[in-house]
Amino acid sequence: MIKNHIIMIVNAVVLIALGVYGYFTSGSPTALIAPAIGLILFILSFPTKKENNTMAHIAVVLTLIASIAFIVIGFRRGNAMVIGMGIFTFVCFDLYVLNFILRKRQRDLNKAGK
């Protein structure tokens, strides 16, 4: 399974790239919201790599909120790129949760085996 901090970095790069592209094509400063979220996720990936669970949970909640916001705003504005960012971010959220579940099961199995 892919580590959560790697998923976080990939999501951050996608949000930054598409947000900057959206800013230069539309000129709207609201397009910079996605790169700001991407930057925050990128910064949170470092403590997550070092097994800081608090920062990992903050990143997961931020990812969920961002994905819902991007999907809703994308549909309201009819912007396929924003919808795509929302779907990609939601897939990353799903991968985070799947990783948490798998790690929990592995810990439980290790405890039961002792």
N, C-alpha and C. Protein backbone atom coordinates (compact mmCIF):
# COMPACT_ATOMS: atom_id res chain seq x y z
N MET A 1 0.84 -1.19 0.00
CA MET A 1 0.00 0.00 0.00
C MET A 1 0.88 1.25 0.00
N ILE A 2 0.43 2.25 -0.67
CA ILE A 2 1.18 3.50 -0.73
C ILE A 2 1.06 4.21 0.62
N LYS A 3 2.16 4.75 1.09
CA LYS A 3 2.19 5.45 2.39
C LYS A 3 1.38 6.74 2.29
N ASN A 4 0.78 7.13 3.42
CA ASN A 4 -0.06 8.33 3.45
C ASN A 4 0.70 9.60 3.08
N HIS A 5 1.94 9.72 3.51
CA HIS A 5 2.67 10.95 3.20
C HIS A 5 2.94 11.07 1.69
N ILE A 6 3.10 9.96 1.00
CA ILE A 6 3.29 10.00 -0.45
C ILE A 6 1.99 10.43 -1.14
N ILE A 7 0.87 9.88 -0.70
CA ILE A 7 -0.43 10.27 -1.24
C ILE A 7 -0.65 11.76 -1.01
N MET A 8 -0.27 12.24 0.16
CA MET A 8 -0.43 13.65 0.51
C MET A 8 0.39 14.54 -0.43
N ILE A 9 1.63 14.13 -0.69
CA ILE A 9 2.50 14.92 -1.57
C ILE A 9 1.95 14.95 -2.99
N VAL A 10 1.50 13.80 -3.49
CA VAL A 10 0.93 13.75 -4.85
C VAL A 10 -0.30 14.63 -4.93
N ASN A 11 -1.17 14.55 -3.94
CA ASN A 11 -2.38 15.39 -3.91
C ASN A 11 -1.99 16.87 -3.87
N ALA A 12 -1.00 17.20 -3.07
CA ALA A 12 -0.55 18.59 -2.97
C ALA A 12 -0.03 19.10 -4.30
N VAL A 13 0.76 18.29 -4.98
CA VAL A 13 1.33 18.71 -6.28
C VAL A 13 0.22 18.92 -7.30
N VAL A 14 -0.77 18.03 -7.32
CA VAL A 14 -1.89 18.17 -8.25
C VAL A 14 -2.67 19.44 -7.95
N LEU A 15 -2.97 19.69 -6.67
CA LEU A 15 -3.73 20.89 -6.31
C LEU A 15 -2.95 22.17 -6.64
N ILE A 16 -1.67 22.16 -6.37
CA ILE A 16 -0.85 23.34 -6.67
C ILE A 16 -0.78 23.58 -8.17
N ALA A 17 -0.51 22.54 -8.93
CA ALA A 17 -0.37 22.69 -10.39
C ALA A 17 -1.68 23.14 -11.04
N LEU A 18 -2.77 22.46 -10.71
CA LEU A 18 -4.04 22.83 -11.33
C LEU A 18 -4.54 24.18 -10.85
N GLY A 19 -4.30 24.51 -9.59
CA GLY A 19 -4.72 25.81 -9.08
C GLY A 19 -3.96 26.96 -9.72
N VAL A 20 -2.65 26.79 -9.88
CA VAL A 20 -1.85 27.83 -10.54
C VAL A 20 -2.25 27.96 -12.01
N TYR A 21 -2.48 26.81 -12.66
CA TYR A 21 -2.95 26.84 -14.05
C TYR A 21 -4.29 27.57 -14.14
N GLY A 22 -5.21 27.26 -13.22
CA GLY A 22 -6.51 27.92 -13.20
C GLY A 22 -6.40 29.41 -12.96
N TYR A 23 -5.45 29.80 -12.13
CA TYR A 23 -5.25 31.23 -11.87
C TYR A 23 -4.78 31.96 -13.13
N PHE A 24 -3.82 31.36 -13.82
CA PHE A 24 -3.29 32.03 -15.02
C PHE A 24 -4.27 32.00 -16.18
N THR A 25 -5.15 31.01 -16.24
CA THR A 25 -6.12 30.99 -17.33
C THR A 25 -7.35 31.85 -17.04
N SER A 26 -7.73 31.97 -15.76
CA SER A 26 -8.93 32.74 -15.43
C SER A 26 -8.62 34.10 -14.84
N GLY A 27 -7.48 34.23 -14.18
CA GLY A 27 -7.14 35.48 -13.52
C GLY A 27 -7.86 35.69 -12.21
N SER A 28 -8.64 34.70 -11.78
CA SER A 28 -9.41 34.83 -10.54
C SER A 28 -8.55 34.45 -9.34
N PRO A 29 -8.47 35.32 -8.34
CA PRO A 29 -7.66 34.99 -7.16
C PRO A 29 -8.21 33.81 -6.36
N THR A 30 -9.49 33.48 -6.53
CA THR A 30 -10.03 32.32 -5.81
C THR A 30 -9.42 31.01 -6.31
N ALA A 31 -8.82 31.03 -7.48
CA ALA A 31 -8.14 29.84 -7.99
C ALA A 31 -6.92 29.49 -7.15
N LEU A 32 -6.46 30.43 -6.34
CA LEU A 32 -5.29 30.17 -5.50
C LEU A 32 -5.64 29.45 -4.19
N ILE A 33 -6.92 29.17 -3.98
CA ILE A 33 -7.33 28.41 -2.79
C ILE A 33 -6.76 27.00 -2.87
N ALA A 34 -6.86 26.38 -4.04
CA ALA A 34 -6.35 25.01 -4.21
C ALA A 34 -4.84 24.93 -3.96
N PRO A 35 -4.02 25.84 -4.51
CA PRO A 35 -2.60 25.77 -4.19
C PRO A 35 -2.31 26.01 -2.70
N ALA A 36 -3.11 26.84 -2.05
CA ALA A 36 -2.90 27.06 -0.61
C ALA A 36 -3.18 25.77 0.17
N ILE A 37 -4.24 25.08 -0.19
CA ILE A 37 -4.54 23.80 0.46
C ILE A 37 -3.44 22.79 0.13
N GLY A 38 -2.99 22.79 -1.12
CA GLY A 38 -1.89 21.90 -1.50
C GLY A 38 -0.63 22.16 -0.72
N LEU A 39 -0.32 23.42 -0.50
CA LEU A 39 0.87 23.78 0.28
C LEU A 39 0.74 23.29 1.72
N ILE A 40 -0.44 23.46 2.30
CA ILE A 40 -0.66 22.99 3.67
C ILE A 40 -0.50 21.47 3.73
N LEU A 41 -1.07 20.75 2.76
CA LEU A 41 -0.94 19.30 2.74
C LEU A 41 0.52 18.88 2.56
N PHE A 42 1.24 19.62 1.73
CA PHE A 42 2.66 19.31 1.52
C PHE A 42 3.42 19.47 2.83
N ILE A 43 3.15 20.53 3.55
CA ILE A 43 3.83 20.77 4.83
C ILE A 43 3.44 19.69 5.85
N LEU A 44 2.16 19.29 5.85
CA LEU A 44 1.71 18.27 6.80
C LEU A 44 2.24 16.87 6.45
N SER A 45 2.73 16.69 5.24
CA SER A 45 3.23 15.36 4.86
C SER A 45 4.50 14.99 5.63
N PHE A 46 5.29 15.98 6.02
CA PHE A 46 6.54 15.68 6.74
C PHE A 46 6.30 15.13 8.14
N PRO A 47 5.44 15.77 8.97
CA PRO A 47 5.15 15.14 10.27
C PRO A 47 4.41 13.81 10.12
N THR A 48 3.60 13.69 9.05
CA THR A 48 2.89 12.43 8.82
C THR A 48 3.87 11.31 8.53
N LYS A 49 4.93 11.62 7.80
CA LYS A 49 5.95 10.61 7.50
C LYS A 49 6.62 10.13 8.79
N LYS A 50 6.73 11.02 9.78
CA LYS A 50 7.36 10.67 11.05
C LYS A 50 6.35 10.10 12.05
N GLU A 51 5.19 9.63 11.53
CA GLU A 51 4.16 8.98 12.35
C GLU A 51 3.49 9.91 13.36
N ASN A 52 3.39 11.19 13.05
CA ASN A 52 2.66 12.13 13.91
C ASN A 52 1.17 12.00 13.57
N ASN A 53 0.45 11.27 14.40
CA ASN A 53 -0.95 10.97 14.12
C ASN A 53 -1.84 12.20 14.14
N THR A 54 -1.55 13.16 14.98
CA THR A 54 -2.36 14.37 15.04
C THR A 54 -2.31 15.12 13.72
N MET A 55 -1.12 15.31 13.19
CA MET A 55 -0.98 16.01 11.91
C MET A 55 -1.60 15.21 10.77
N ALA A 56 -1.49 13.89 10.83
CA ALA A 56 -2.10 13.04 9.81
C ALA A 56 -3.62 13.19 9.82
N HIS A 57 -4.20 13.23 11.01
CA HIS A 57 -5.65 13.38 11.10
C HIS A 57 -6.10 14.77 10.65
N ILE A 58 -5.32 15.78 10.96
CA ILE A 58 -5.64 17.13 10.48
C ILE A 58 -5.62 17.15 8.95
N ALA A 59 -4.63 16.51 8.36
CA ALA A 59 -4.53 16.46 6.89
C ALA A 59 -5.71 15.71 6.28
N VAL A 60 -6.13 14.64 6.93
CA VAL A 60 -7.26 13.86 6.41
C VAL A 60 -8.54 14.70 6.45
N VAL A 61 -8.77 15.38 7.55
CA VAL A 61 -9.98 16.23 7.66
C VAL A 61 -9.92 17.36 6.63
N LEU A 62 -8.76 17.99 6.48
CA LEU A 62 -8.61 19.05 5.48
C LEU A 62 -8.87 18.51 4.08
N THR A 63 -8.40 17.31 3.80
CA THR A 63 -8.61 16.69 2.49
C THR A 63 -10.09 16.44 2.24
N LEU A 64 -10.79 15.94 3.24
CA LEU A 64 -12.24 15.70 3.08
C LEU A 64 -12.99 17.00 2.84
N ILE A 65 -12.70 18.01 3.64
CA ILE A 65 -13.38 19.30 3.48
C ILE A 65 -13.08 19.90 2.10
N ALA A 66 -11.82 19.83 1.69
CA ALA A 66 -11.43 20.39 0.39
C ALA A 66 -12.12 19.64 -0.74
N SER A 67 -12.18 18.32 -0.66
CA SER A 67 -12.79 17.55 -1.75
C SER A 67 -14.27 17.89 -1.89
N ILE A 68 -14.97 17.98 -0.78
CA ILE A 68 -16.39 18.33 -0.83
C ILE A 68 -16.58 19.74 -1.39
N ALA A 69 -15.75 20.67 -0.91
CA ALA A 69 -15.87 22.05 -1.38
C ALA A 69 -15.58 22.15 -2.88
N PHE A 70 -14.54 21.47 -3.35
CA PHE A 70 -14.20 21.53 -4.77
C PHE A 70 -15.31 20.93 -5.63
N ILE A 71 -15.88 19.82 -5.19
CA ILE A 71 -16.95 19.19 -5.98
C ILE A 71 -18.18 20.08 -6.02
N VAL A 72 -18.58 20.62 -4.88
CA VAL A 72 -19.77 21.49 -4.85
C VAL A 72 -19.55 22.74 -5.68
N ILE A 73 -18.42 23.41 -5.48
CA ILE A 73 -18.14 24.64 -6.24
C ILE A 73 -17.99 24.34 -7.72
N GLY A 74 -17.35 23.23 -8.04
CA GLY A 74 -17.19 22.86 -9.44
C GLY A 74 -18.51 22.65 -10.14
N PHE A 75 -19.46 21.98 -9.47
CA PHE A 75 -20.77 21.78 -10.07
C PHE A 75 -21.54 23.08 -10.17
N ARG A 76 -21.44 23.92 -9.15
CA ARG A 76 -22.15 25.21 -9.19
C ARG A 76 -21.66 26.10 -10.34
N ARG A 77 -20.35 26.07 -10.57
CA ARG A 77 -19.78 26.92 -11.62
C ARG A 77 -19.66 26.21 -12.96
N GLY A 78 -19.92 24.93 -12.98
CA GLY A 78 -19.79 24.17 -14.22
C GLY A 78 -18.34 24.05 -14.67
N ASN A 79 -17.42 23.97 -13.71
CA ASN A 79 -16.00 23.94 -14.01
C ASN A 79 -15.48 22.51 -13.83
N ALA A 80 -15.16 21.87 -14.97
CA ALA A 80 -14.73 20.47 -14.94
C ALA A 80 -13.39 20.30 -14.22
N MET A 81 -12.51 21.29 -14.33
CA MET A 81 -11.21 21.17 -13.67
C MET A 81 -11.36 21.16 -12.15
N VAL A 82 -12.23 21.98 -11.63
CA VAL A 82 -12.45 22.02 -10.18
C VAL A 82 -13.12 20.73 -9.71
N ILE A 83 -14.06 20.22 -10.51
CA ILE A 83 -14.68 18.93 -10.18
C ILE A 83 -13.62 17.84 -10.18
N GLY A 84 -12.73 17.86 -11.16
CA GLY A 84 -11.65 16.88 -11.22
C GLY A 84 -10.74 16.94 -10.01
N MET A 85 -10.41 18.16 -9.58
CA MET A 85 -9.60 18.31 -8.36
C MET A 85 -10.34 17.73 -7.16
N GLY A 86 -11.63 17.96 -7.10
CA GLY A 86 -12.43 17.44 -5.99
C GLY A 86 -12.48 15.92 -5.98
N ILE A 87 -12.66 15.34 -7.16
CA ILE A 87 -12.71 13.88 -7.24
C ILE A 87 -11.35 13.28 -6.90
N PHE A 88 -10.27 13.87 -7.44
CA PHE A 88 -8.93 13.38 -7.14
C PHE A 88 -8.64 13.48 -5.64
N THR A 89 -9.02 14.59 -5.04
CA THR A 89 -8.79 14.79 -3.61
C THR A 89 -9.62 13.82 -2.79
N PHE A 90 -10.85 13.51 -3.25
CA PHE A 90 -11.67 12.54 -2.53
C PHE A 90 -11.08 11.14 -2.63
N VAL A 91 -10.52 10.79 -3.78
CA VAL A 91 -9.85 9.49 -3.92
C VAL A 91 -8.66 9.42 -2.95
N CYS A 92 -7.92 10.51 -2.82
CA CYS A 92 -6.82 10.55 -1.85
C CYS A 92 -7.34 10.36 -0.43
N PHE A 93 -8.46 10.99 -0.12
CA PHE A 93 -9.08 10.81 1.20
C PHE A 93 -9.42 9.34 1.43
N ASP A 94 -10.00 8.70 0.42
CA ASP A 94 -10.33 7.28 0.53
C ASP A 94 -9.09 6.43 0.79
N LEU A 95 -8.00 6.76 0.11
CA LEU A 95 -6.76 6.02 0.31
C LEU A 95 -6.20 6.22 1.71
N TYR A 96 -6.33 7.44 2.25
CA TYR A 96 -5.89 7.69 3.63
C TYR A 96 -6.65 6.78 4.59
N VAL A 97 -7.97 6.78 4.45
CA VAL A 97 -8.81 6.00 5.36
C VAL A 97 -8.51 4.51 5.21
N LEU A 98 -8.34 4.05 3.98
CA LEU A 98 -8.00 2.65 3.76
C LEU A 98 -6.68 2.30 4.45
N ASN A 99 -5.69 3.18 4.34
CA ASN A 99 -4.40 2.95 5.01
C ASN A 99 -4.57 2.89 6.53
N PHE A 100 -5.37 3.79 7.08
CA PHE A 100 -5.61 3.77 8.53
C PHE A 100 -6.25 2.45 8.96
N ILE A 101 -7.22 1.99 8.18
CA ILE A 101 -7.90 0.73 8.51
C ILE A 101 -6.93 -0.44 8.43
N LEU A 102 -6.13 -0.49 7.37
CA LEU A 102 -5.18 -1.59 7.22
C LEU A 102 -4.13 -1.58 8.32
N ARG A 103 -3.64 -0.42 8.69
CA ARG A 103 -2.64 -0.33 9.76
C ARG A 103 -3.24 -0.76 11.10
N LYS A 104 -4.48 -0.38 11.35
CA LYS A 104 -5.17 -0.77 12.59
C LYS A 104 -5.32 -2.28 12.64
N ARG A 105 -5.73 -2.88 11.54
CA ARG A 105 -5.88 -4.34 11.51
C ARG A 105 -4.53 -5.03 11.74
N GLN A 106 -3.48 -4.48 11.13
CA GLN A 106 -2.16 -5.07 11.29
C GLN A 106 -1.70 -4.98 12.75
N ARG A 107 -1.95 -3.85 13.39
CA ARG A 107 -1.60 -3.70 14.81
C ARG A 107 -2.38 -4.69 15.67
N ASP A 108 -3.67 -4.85 15.36
CA ASP A 108 -4.49 -5.79 16.13
C ASP A 108 -4.01 -7.23 15.94
N LEU A 109 -3.62 -7.56 14.72
CA LEU A 109 -3.11 -8.91 14.47
C LEU A 109 -1.79 -9.13 15.19
N ASN A 110 -0.93 -8.10 15.23
CA ASN A 110 0.35 -8.23 15.92
C ASN A 110 0.14 -8.39 17.43
N LYS A 111 -0.84 -7.68 17.98
CA LYS A 111 -1.14 -7.80 19.41
C LYS A 111 -1.70 -9.18 19.72
N ALA A 112 -2.56 -9.69 18.85
CA ALA A 112 -3.17 -11.01 19.08
C ALA A 112 -2.14 -12.13 18.95
N GLY A 113 -1.13 -11.91 18.11
CA GLY A 113 -0.12 -12.93 17.89
C GLY A 113 0.91 -13.03 19.00
N LYS A 114 0.97 -12.03 19.87
CA LYS A 114 1.98 -12.01 20.95
C LYS A 114 1.59 -12.87 22.10
